Each structure stands twice: as structure tokens, then as C-alpha cells.
């Protein structure tokens, strides 16, 4: 029966090319925008390179020091001292990586200035972040303990500084802000949209570029706290909360601010990312997904309304078919099922076109350089979301006209034929 409905839908499409074009154009354009949007959201918050372990990583990015009335607060990434005392000493996580977000420095090649983003990290950073090493290896605890001026650079910086991308550079030196560092590794760069891991140059926190080992509470460090599994998140968060609560107050921060309470937490990536925006609080991920879902629904509803009108016009031409089938006893549910299946078939064609267009748009975005090292993809998650969007769109635009036409009386249907 479903096969027959699909054949009928195909014949209807061929009968009126203009209606077919308008219908498929509206469906494919709408779904292309939604699929690309879904791909971009996945690019921002999904477990992508080099943060493949994001689904079992908690992120720590800010310390908030508040006054006695809680009217004012100093909010900043943490100092190196804070990290060493309260974060890297956690017992529950597998690994704790600490890193600066990044600072800027200058390198010069043949009189040309290169602006270099630099991260200071610990050795565990390379175990939490899954970088692809194109040559060499990461620095380790031995390099840090020895105070060695070593560095890991990205493939982009290698090409800018050394010129020939095909020649190995491990063991050579790069000079940044009048300091020389021995290159021990080259990695594939990460997109700039991943601030916890993206940089041009990675050096140990003990290296002499700019000593990042600041004192007190506030500084420039964030942390990636790797759990054995997502089920360990509550235990890690509980341990960290207990550590923070045992910090004696009041105290004076390294900026001279007297604070009476301190707030800090470790959160999954989406919650940590949302915490950057004033309208969201950490742990507001359900609200975020609700907002995205509402936006998608509203965006789909406008073309869906137009397609409802087109579908009603198209179905009115089949009034005689509806009248004859009802005269022979076809129930409303069967007629509605036929029209919805036909509309889903048309939507599926539009969805297939949209997937091709989306792949092209994603390819162009990745190649355009608008987002450095962009790696948007139409992966399994994005494809699954796209299928759900197609189904929702097909049902939204087909159910109302199907219900309206299926309820038309036999006399009225034959009269309109």
C-alpha cells in the first residue's frame, strides 16, 4: 500500500512541474539552513578534534571572588598557584590538564612580523587533548622539571616561520619575543572556536617566555578535568566543591580585592561555554537546547505554512479521487495516511537535495577561511538530526491539508471535481 502511495506521489509531482519546483525549493532551502546550523552547533559543542574526550571532560574556567554583601565580584581565570593547590590535586579525576587561554607574542622572519598565540600548559595537557602529531612528540614532566625552553607548534606556524612545510623541523629553534625555543613537536592545528585547546605554540608553564606561574587566586589558567567516565562527574564536582568550601575567608586577592566568599565549579563543556554569556548560567544546557528547538520550529513553521497552502491547492485537484474513494468506503484515517505519506515522500526528496546543498555549503565554509581550521561536517549526529527535521517538516506541512481533505464530504468532493 505504501508503495502505491509513493507511486501516486511521484505521478502528482510530474503532473505540475511549477508546483513541484516551488515545493522542493522551499523544503530544500529551509532544511539546508537547518542542517548547516546543526553542523555548526555540533562544531561548537561536540566532541571534535582535538577534544575527542569532551564527553568525559569537565571544564574549569573562572573563579569568582565576592564581597561581604555579594554586590561586587572579581571574576577571572585562576592563577597558577590556585591550580596547583586546589585543582591538580583532585583525587577523583584520571588527569587534570591546565593551560592558559592564550597570550600573544611576536616572531620575525625576514623582517616580517608573525603574531603568535601561545599557551602555557602542563604535561597532562597532551594526555587530555588528543592532538595529531605530524612530527616529534609532546613535552613531558622531565622537560618541565628541567626548565627547558621547548615547544610544540602547529603546522600553520611551521609553514609561516620555517617556510618549507615538507621539511621536518623537530630539533630546530624558533625565536619568539627574543626567546629561543627548541621545537620538539608539530601538531595539526585546532579551530579557533575551541579556546581551551587552540593555539599556535604550546610551551611548558616553566618556560621563560612569560612566567605564567602567577600567585594568589586570579590569573590566566583554565583546566580540563578528565574523568574515567561520565558517571564520575558528580563525584568530581562534589570533591571540587568541598575543596573550594575549605578555603578560608575573608582574604585579600592578588589584585587587592578583599573577598568574603569564593565561587568556582567544574562543568561539562556546554555548561562551561554557556557560562560565558550573561543570559545563561552554568547547567543551563536544557534551556539552550530549548531555545535552539524553538528557533528551528519557528524557522520551519513559516515555509511550512506556505507549503500547507500549496498542498491544499494540489489536493483540491484530486477532489474527484477523494470522493470516489470515500464512496467506496475509504475511512478518514486511510486517506489521511495516504496524503501524509505522499508529503513525506516529497519532503524526503527535498531533504536529499538539502543534504547535497548542505555538504556543499559546509565544504565552502571549511575552505573559505572564515573560521580558522574550521572542520564542520555532516556526521552521524548531524545526519540523524537532519532526518528528524525532515520528518517533522513533512508532518507539519502535510497533516493539516490531509486532515482537511480527508474530511470533505463525498458530495462536496464530487462537486469540486
Protein backbone atom coordinates (compact mmCIF):
# COMPACT_ATOMS: atom_id res chain seq x y z
CA UNK A 1 0.00 0.00 0.00
CA UNK A 2 2.77 2.43 0.91
CA UNK A 3 4.48 1.64 -2.40
CA UNK A 4 1.30 2.61 -4.25
CA UNK A 5 1.09 5.88 -2.29
CA UNK A 6 4.69 6.68 -3.27
CA UNK A 7 3.94 5.95 -6.94
CA UNK A 8 0.91 8.24 -6.80
CA UNK A 9 3.01 10.98 -5.17
CA UNK A 10 5.58 10.67 -7.97
CA UNK A 11 2.89 11.00 -10.63
CA UNK A 12 1.48 14.07 -8.86
CA UNK A 13 4.94 15.66 -8.84
CA UNK A 14 5.32 15.13 -12.59
CA UNK A 15 1.85 16.49 -13.30
CA UNK A 16 2.62 20.09 -12.23
CA UNK A 17 6.33 20.96 -12.60
CA UNK A 18 5.86 24.51 -11.28
CA UNK A 19 4.22 23.39 -8.03
CA UNK A 20 6.89 20.72 -7.74
CA UNK A 21 9.70 23.27 -8.16
CA UNK A 22 8.21 25.69 -5.62
CA UNK A 23 7.59 22.90 -3.11
CA UNK A 24 11.05 21.34 -3.42
CA UNK A 25 12.73 24.78 -3.39
CA UNK A 26 11.02 25.73 -0.13
CA UNK A 27 11.75 22.38 1.51
CA UNK A 28 15.38 22.14 0.40
CA UNK A 29 16.24 25.75 1.26
CA UNK A 30 14.72 25.50 4.74
CA UNK A 31 16.36 22.17 5.52
CA UNK A 32 19.72 23.33 4.14
CA UNK A 33 19.78 26.24 6.59
CA UNK A 34 18.78 23.98 9.49
CA UNK A 35 21.30 21.25 8.60
CA UNK A 36 24.15 23.76 8.30
CA UNK A 37 23.07 25.31 11.62
CA UNK A 38 23.04 21.85 13.23
CA UNK A 39 26.51 21.18 11.80
CA UNK A 40 27.80 24.47 13.22
CA UNK A 41 26.36 23.73 16.67
CA UNK A 42 28.00 20.31 16.57
CA UNK A 43 31.25 22.03 15.56
CA UNK A 44 31.00 24.30 18.62
CA UNK A 45 29.98 21.89 21.35
CA UNK A 46 30.54 18.35 20.03
CA UNK A 47 33.49 16.07 20.89
CA UNK A 48 35.67 17.09 17.95
CA UNK A 49 39.41 17.34 17.32
CA UNK A 50 41.41 17.66 19.50
CA UNK A 51 38.85 17.44 22.30
CA UNK A 52 37.63 13.96 21.42
CA UNK A 53 37.22 13.19 25.14
CA UNK A 54 34.90 16.14 25.72
CA UNK A 55 32.03 13.83 26.69
CA UNK A 56 34.01 12.73 29.76
CA UNK A 57 35.80 16.01 30.49
CA UNK A 58 34.81 18.72 32.95
CA UNK A 59 35.98 22.27 32.35
CA UNK A 60 37.06 24.84 34.91
CA UNK A 61 37.41 28.37 33.63
CA UNK A 62 36.61 31.02 36.25
CA UNK A 63 36.98 31.94 39.91
CA UNK A 64 34.52 34.46 41.37
CA UNK A 65 35.59 36.38 44.48
CA UNK A 66 32.66 38.21 46.12
CA UNK A 67 32.45 40.96 48.73
CA UNK A 68 30.55 40.68 52.01
CA UNK A 69 27.27 41.97 50.51
CA UNK A 70 27.70 39.96 47.31
CA UNK A 71 27.18 43.15 45.31
CA UNK A 72 30.58 43.07 43.66
CA UNK A 73 32.81 40.31 42.41
CA UNK A 74 36.14 39.78 40.71
CA UNK A 75 35.71 37.07 38.08
CA UNK A 76 38.70 35.72 36.20
CA UNK A 77 40.52 32.56 35.19
CA UNK A 78 42.57 31.16 38.05
CA UNK A 79 46.20 31.70 38.94
CA UNK A 80 48.84 29.01 38.55
CA UNK A 81 49.11 28.81 42.35
CA UNK A 82 45.35 28.23 42.64
CA UNK A 83 45.57 25.44 40.08
CA UNK A 84 48.45 23.73 41.87
CA UNK A 85 46.78 23.93 45.28
CA UNK A 86 43.15 23.19 44.52
CA UNK A 87 42.71 21.72 41.02
CA UNK A 88 45.64 19.49 40.04
CA UNK A 89 45.47 17.88 43.50
CA UNK A 90 41.99 16.42 42.92
CA UNK A 91 41.95 12.68 43.56
CA UNK A 92 38.88 11.54 41.58
CA UNK A 93 39.84 12.53 38.01
CA UNK A 94 42.11 10.48 35.78
CA UNK A 95 44.05 13.54 34.62
CA UNK A 96 43.94 17.30 35.16
CA UNK A 97 45.27 19.45 32.33
CA UNK A 98 45.94 23.11 33.00
CA UNK A 99 46.50 25.72 30.32
CA UNK A 100 46.32 29.43 29.72
CA UNK A 101 43.65 30.51 27.28
CA UNK A 102 46.39 32.18 25.23
CA UNK A 103 48.64 35.20 25.13
CA UNK A 104 50.16 36.90 22.12
CA UNK A 105 53.80 37.23 21.14
CA UNK A 106 55.74 38.27 18.06
CA UNK A 107 58.10 36.36 15.83
CA UNK A 108 60.02 37.81 12.89
CA UNK A 109 61.04 36.11 9.66
CA UNK A 110 62.92 38.14 7.04
CA UNK A 111 61.65 41.34 8.62
CA UNK A 112 58.03 40.18 8.54
CA UNK A 113 56.15 40.07 11.83
CA UNK A 114 54.16 36.97 12.73
CA UNK A 115 51.63 37.26 15.57
CA UNK A 116 51.79 34.05 17.57
CA UNK A 117 49.20 32.76 20.03
CA UNK A 118 50.88 31.00 22.93
CA UNK A 119 49.59 28.62 25.58
CA UNK A 120 51.42 27.63 28.76
CA UNK A 121 50.40 24.09 29.72
CA UNK A 122 51.36 21.20 31.94
CA UNK A 123 52.39 17.78 30.64
CA UNK A 124 48.93 16.27 31.29
CA UNK A 125 47.50 18.62 28.66
CA UNK A 126 48.75 16.27 25.95
CA UNK A 127 47.04 13.28 27.54
CA UNK A 128 43.68 15.00 27.84
CA UNK A 129 43.73 16.68 24.41
CA UNK A 130 44.13 14.27 21.50
CA UNK A 131 46.32 16.21 19.10
CA UNK A 132 47.63 14.63 15.90
CA UNK A 133 51.42 14.84 15.96
CA UNK A 134 52.77 15.32 12.45
CA UNK A 135 56.31 15.04 13.75
CA UNK A 136 58.10 14.83 17.07
CA UNK A 137 56.41 14.42 20.44
CA UNK A 138 54.93 16.48 23.31
CA UNK A 139 56.93 17.84 26.21
CA UNK A 140 56.75 15.87 29.46
CA UNK A 141 57.37 16.27 33.18
CA UNK A 142 61.11 15.91 32.60
CA UNK A 143 61.17 18.94 30.31
CA UNK A 144 59.16 20.93 32.87
CA UNK A 145 61.30 19.89 35.83
CA UNK A 146 64.45 20.84 33.92
CA UNK A 147 63.04 24.24 32.95
CA UNK A 148 63.78 23.51 29.30
CA UNK A 149 62.73 26.01 26.66
CA UNK A 150 60.94 23.56 24.41
CA UNK A 151 57.81 24.00 22.37
CA UNK A 152 55.19 22.24 20.28
CA UNK A 153 53.99 24.28 17.32
CA UNK A 154 51.16 23.89 14.81
CA UNK A 155 51.54 23.07 11.14
CA UNK A 156 50.43 26.61 10.24
CA UNK A 157 53.14 28.24 12.37
CA UNK A 158 55.70 25.81 10.99
CA UNK A 159 54.86 26.89 7.45
CA UNK A 160 54.87 30.61 8.32
CA UNK A 161 58.13 30.53 10.26
CA UNK A 162 60.21 27.84 8.56
CA UNK A 163 58.76 28.15 5.06
CA UNK A 164 59.07 24.62 3.65
CA UNK A 165 56.18 22.61 5.11
CA UNK A 166 57.60 19.33 3.78
CA UNK A 167 60.90 19.51 5.70
CA UNK A 168 60.97 18.29 9.34
CA UNK A 169 61.71 20.97 11.92
CA UNK A 170 61.92 18.95 15.15
CA UNK A 171 65.16 19.97 16.85
CA UNK A 172 65.29 23.41 15.24
CA UNK A 173 64.74 26.66 17.13
CA UNK A 174 62.01 29.27 16.90
CA UNK A 175 62.54 32.75 18.35
CA UNK A 176 59.55 34.49 19.90
CA UNK A 177 59.81 37.80 21.78
CA UNK A 178 63.60 37.45 21.78
CA UNK A 179 63.44 33.99 23.38
CA UNK A 180 64.53 30.84 21.61
CA UNK A 181 62.62 27.59 21.95
CA UNK A 182 63.58 24.19 20.65
CA UNK A 183 60.79 22.66 18.59
CA UNK A 184 60.16 19.09 19.77
CA UNK A 185 56.81 18.51 18.06
CA UNK A 186 54.45 19.71 15.34
CA UNK A 187 50.70 19.16 15.61
CA UNK A 188 47.75 19.70 13.33
CA UNK A 189 46.19 22.96 14.46
CA UNK A 190 42.81 23.17 16.19
CA UNK A 191 39.97 25.53 15.16
CA UNK A 192 39.95 28.87 16.92
CA UNK A 193 36.42 28.08 18.12
CA UNK A 194 37.98 25.66 20.68
CA UNK A 195 39.63 28.16 23.04
CA UNK A 196 40.71 25.56 25.61
CA UNK A 197 43.00 23.84 23.10
CA UNK A 198 43.50 26.13 20.10
CA UNK A 199 46.82 27.97 19.78
CA UNK A 200 49.85 28.38 17.52
CA UNK A 201 52.54 27.48 20.04
CA UNK A 202 52.48 25.43 23.23
CA UNK A 203 55.19 25.78 25.84
CA UNK A 204 55.63 24.38 29.38
CA UNK A 205 54.46 26.64 32.19
CA UNK A 206 58.08 26.61 33.41
CA UNK A 207 59.46 28.05 30.16
CA UNK A 208 60.86 31.55 30.21
CA UNK A 209 58.71 33.36 27.63
CA UNK A 210 56.48 34.94 30.25
CA UNK A 211 56.40 33.16 33.56
CA UNK A 212 52.78 32.14 33.90
CA UNK A 213 53.21 30.88 37.45
CA UNK A 214 51.25 33.72 38.99
CA UNK A 215 50.32 33.84 42.68
CA UNK A 216 47.11 34.34 44.59
CA UNK A 217 43.70 33.44 43.23
CA UNK A 218 43.27 35.21 39.91
CA UNK A 219 45.38 34.71 36.82
CA UNK A 220 45.16 33.25 33.35
CA UNK A 221 44.73 29.48 33.77
CA UNK A 222 41.83 27.16 32.97
CA UNK A 223 41.61 23.40 33.42
CA UNK A 224 40.35 20.31 31.61
CA UNK A 225 39.47 17.65 34.16
CA UNK A 226 39.33 14.18 32.61
CA UNK A 227 37.06 11.59 34.25
CA UNK A 228 37.17 7.85 33.76
CA UNK A 229 33.55 8.09 32.63
CA UNK A 230 30.62 10.48 32.68
CA UNK A 231 29.29 8.69 35.74
CA UNK A 232 32.23 10.14 37.72
CA UNK A 233 31.14 13.74 37.11
CA UNK A 234 29.10 14.08 40.33
CA UNK A 235 31.96 12.71 42.44
CA UNK A 236 34.49 15.07 40.85
CA UNK A 237 32.17 18.05 41.23
CA UNK A 238 31.48 17.13 44.85
CA UNK A 239 35.20 16.79 45.63
CA UNK A 240 35.99 20.11 43.97
CA UNK A 241 33.14 21.87 45.80
CA UNK A 242 34.47 20.53 49.09
CA UNK A 243 37.97 21.81 48.30
CA UNK A 244 36.65 25.30 47.49
CA UNK A 245 34.49 25.43 50.62
CA UNK A 246 37.54 24.75 52.81
CA UNK A 247 39.41 27.81 51.54
CA UNK A 248 39.49 30.26 54.50
CA UNK A 249 37.79 33.64 54.07
CA UNK A 250 37.91 36.61 54.23
CA UNK A 251 41.12 37.13 52.30
CA UNK A 252 42.67 39.72 50.01
CA UNK A 253 43.21 38.62 46.43
CA UNK A 254 46.33 39.33 44.42
CA UNK A 255 44.54 42.37 42.98
CA UNK A 256 43.99 43.89 46.42
CA UNK A 257 40.27 43.00 46.49
CA UNK A 258 39.01 41.81 49.88
CA UNK A 259 36.60 38.95 49.39
CA UNK A 260 34.36 37.06 51.79
CA UNK A 261 33.28 34.17 49.61
CA UNK A 262 34.70 32.29 46.66
CA UNK A 263 32.77 30.51 43.90
CA UNK A 264 34.22 28.06 41.42
CA UNK A 265 32.98 24.93 39.70
CA UNK A 266 33.80 22.30 37.12
CA UNK A 267 31.18 21.77 34.40
CA UNK A 268 30.59 19.81 31.19
CA UNK A 269 31.70 21.74 28.13
CA UNK A 270 28.30 23.09 27.09
CA UNK A 271 27.59 24.41 30.58
CA UNK A 272 31.05 25.99 30.77
CA UNK A 273 30.57 27.51 27.31
CA UNK A 274 27.13 28.89 28.17
CA UNK A 275 28.54 30.41 31.36
CA UNK A 276 30.38 32.94 29.16
CA UNK A 277 27.05 34.51 28.16
CA UNK A 278 25.22 36.67 30.75
CA UNK A 279 21.81 35.29 29.77
CA UNK A 280 22.84 31.77 30.72
CA UNK A 281 24.07 30.22 33.93
CA UNK A 282 26.17 27.06 34.20
CA UNK A 283 23.98 23.97 33.98
CA UNK A 284 21.57 25.82 31.68
CA UNK A 285 22.05 23.34 28.82
CA UNK A 286 18.34 22.29 28.83
CA UNK A 287 17.41 25.94 28.29
CA UNK A 288 19.95 26.21 25.47
CA UNK A 289 18.52 23.18 23.66
CA UNK A 290 15.00 24.52 24.22
CA UNK A 291 15.94 27.85 22.63
CA UNK A 292 17.52 26.07 19.65
CA UNK A 293 14.50 23.79 19.26
CA UNK A 294 12.13 26.78 19.43
CA UNK A 295 14.18 28.63 16.81
CA UNK A 296 14.12 25.61 14.49
CA UNK A 297 10.38 25.19 14.99
CA UNK A 298 9.69 28.84 14.21
CA UNK A 299 12.02 28.78 11.22
CA UNK A 300 10.29 25.67 9.86
CA UNK A 301 6.79 26.96 10.55
CA UNK A 302 6.97 29.84 8.04
CA UNK A 303 7.72 27.76 4.93
CA UNK A 304 5.51 25.01 6.32
CA UNK A 305 2.53 27.38 6.28
CA UNK A 306 3.25 28.27 2.67
CA UNK A 307 3.58 24.60 1.78
CA UNK A 308 0.28 23.86 3.53
CA UNK A 309 -1.43 26.28 1.14
CA UNK A 310 0.33 24.70 -1.84
CA UNK A 311 -0.61 21.23 -0.66
CA UNK A 312 -4.25 22.24 -0.20
CA UNK A 313 -4.33 23.60 -3.78
CA UNK A 314 -2.67 20.44 -5.08
CA UNK A 315 -5.05 18.18 -3.19
CA UNK A 316 -8.13 20.13 -4.32
CA UNK A 317 -7.34 18.99 -7.85
CA UNK A 318 -7.78 15.44 -6.59
CA UNK A 319 -11.25 16.05 -5.19
CA UNK A 320 -12.82 13.51 -7.55
CA UNK A 321 -10.32 10.85 -6.46
CA UNK A 322 -11.15 11.58 -2.82
CA UNK A 323 -14.91 11.50 -3.49
CA UNK A 324 -14.75 8.16 -5.33
CA UNK A 325 -12.56 6.55 -2.65
CA UNK A 326 -14.87 7.77 0.13
CA UNK A 327 -17.88 6.50 -1.82
CA UNK A 328 -16.27 3.05 -1.82
CA UNK A 329 -15.80 3.21 1.95
CA UNK A 330 -12.27 4.51 2.42
CA UNK A 331 -12.05 5.73 6.06
CA UNK A 332 -10.68 9.16 7.01
CA UNK A 333 -7.63 7.57 8.66
CA UNK A 334 -6.65 5.80 5.41
CA UNK A 335 -6.98 8.96 3.33
CA UNK A 336 -5.01 10.99 5.86
CA UNK A 337 -2.31 8.32 5.94
CA UNK A 338 -2.02 8.43 2.15
CA UNK A 339 -1.64 12.20 1.99
CA UNK A 340 0.88 12.32 4.86
CA UNK A 341 2.98 9.54 3.27
CA UNK A 342 2.89 11.36 -0.06
CA UNK A 343 4.04 14.56 1.62
CA UNK A 344 6.80 12.72 3.49
CA UNK A 345 7.98 11.30 0.17
CA UNK A 346 8.14 14.79 -1.34
CA UNK A 347 9.89 16.06 1.79
CA UNK A 348 12.40 13.20 1.54
CA UNK A 349 13.30 14.31 -1.98
CA UNK A 350 13.72 17.87 -0.72
CA UNK A 351 15.75 16.53 2.19
CA UNK A 352 18.08 14.64 -0.15
CA UNK A 353 18.61 17.83 -2.16
CA UNK A 354 19.19 19.71 1.11
CA UNK A 355 21.84 17.22 2.23
CA UNK A 356 23.74 17.71 -1.03
CA UNK A 357 23.45 21.51 -0.75
CA UNK A 358 24.45 21.39 2.94
CA UNK A 359 27.54 19.32 2.15
CA UNK A 360 28.49 21.92 -0.46
CA UNK A 361 27.92 24.85 1.94
CA UNK A 362 29.92 23.10 4.69
CA UNK A 363 32.74 22.45 2.23
CA UNK A 364 32.79 26.11 1.20
CA UNK A 365 32.78 27.29 4.83
CA UNK A 366 35.70 24.99 5.67
CA UNK A 367 37.66 26.20 2.63
CA UNK A 368 36.78 29.88 2.98
CA UNK A 369 38.99 30.64 5.99
CA UNK A 370 36.15 32.48 7.78
CA UNK A 371 36.83 30.21 10.75
CA UNK A 372 40.50 29.25 11.07
CA UNK A 373 40.90 25.46 10.84
CA UNK A 374 37.12 25.01 10.57
CA UNK A 375 36.09 21.35 10.43
CA UNK A 376 32.31 21.41 10.04
CA UNK A 377 30.98 18.03 9.00
CA UNK A 378 27.74 16.28 8.13
CA UNK A 379 28.43 13.43 10.55
CA UNK A 380 26.14 10.80 12.04
CA UNK A 381 24.76 13.14 14.71
CA UNK A 382 24.08 15.88 12.17
CA UNK A 383 22.53 13.37 9.73
CA UNK A 384 20.25 11.95 12.46
CA UNK A 385 19.15 15.47 13.39
CA UNK A 386 18.55 16.18 9.71
CA UNK A 387 16.32 13.10 9.33
CA UNK A 388 14.26 14.17 12.36
CA UNK A 389 13.97 17.68 10.91
CA UNK A 390 12.79 16.25 7.58
CA UNK A 391 10.18 14.08 9.31
CA UNK A 392 8.95 17.00 11.42
CA UNK A 393 8.81 19.25 8.37
CA UNK A 394 6.94 16.66 6.30
CA UNK A 395 4.36 16.02 9.02
CA UNK A 396 3.92 19.75 9.78
CA UNK A 397 3.28 20.69 6.14
CA UNK A 398 1.20 17.62 5.24
CA UNK A 399 -1.01 16.85 8.24
CA UNK A 400 -3.32 19.88 8.11
CA UNK A 401 -4.21 19.70 4.38
CA UNK A 402 -4.55 15.92 4.68
CA UNK A 403 -6.97 16.30 7.58
CA UNK A 404 -8.92 18.97 5.73
CA UNK A 405 -9.25 16.98 2.51
CA UNK A 406 -9.99 13.68 4.21
CA UNK A 407 -12.97 15.26 5.99
CA UNK A 408 -14.53 16.63 2.81
CA UNK A 409 -17.94 15.05 2.21
CA UNK A 410 -18.50 12.82 -0.80
CA UNK A 411 -20.98 15.27 -2.35
CA UNK A 412 -18.64 18.24 -1.83
CA UNK A 413 -15.66 16.35 -3.23
CA UNK A 414 -17.53 15.33 -6.38
CA UNK A 415 -18.98 18.83 -6.72
CA UNK A 416 -15.47 20.37 -6.67
CA UNK A 417 -14.14 17.83 -9.19
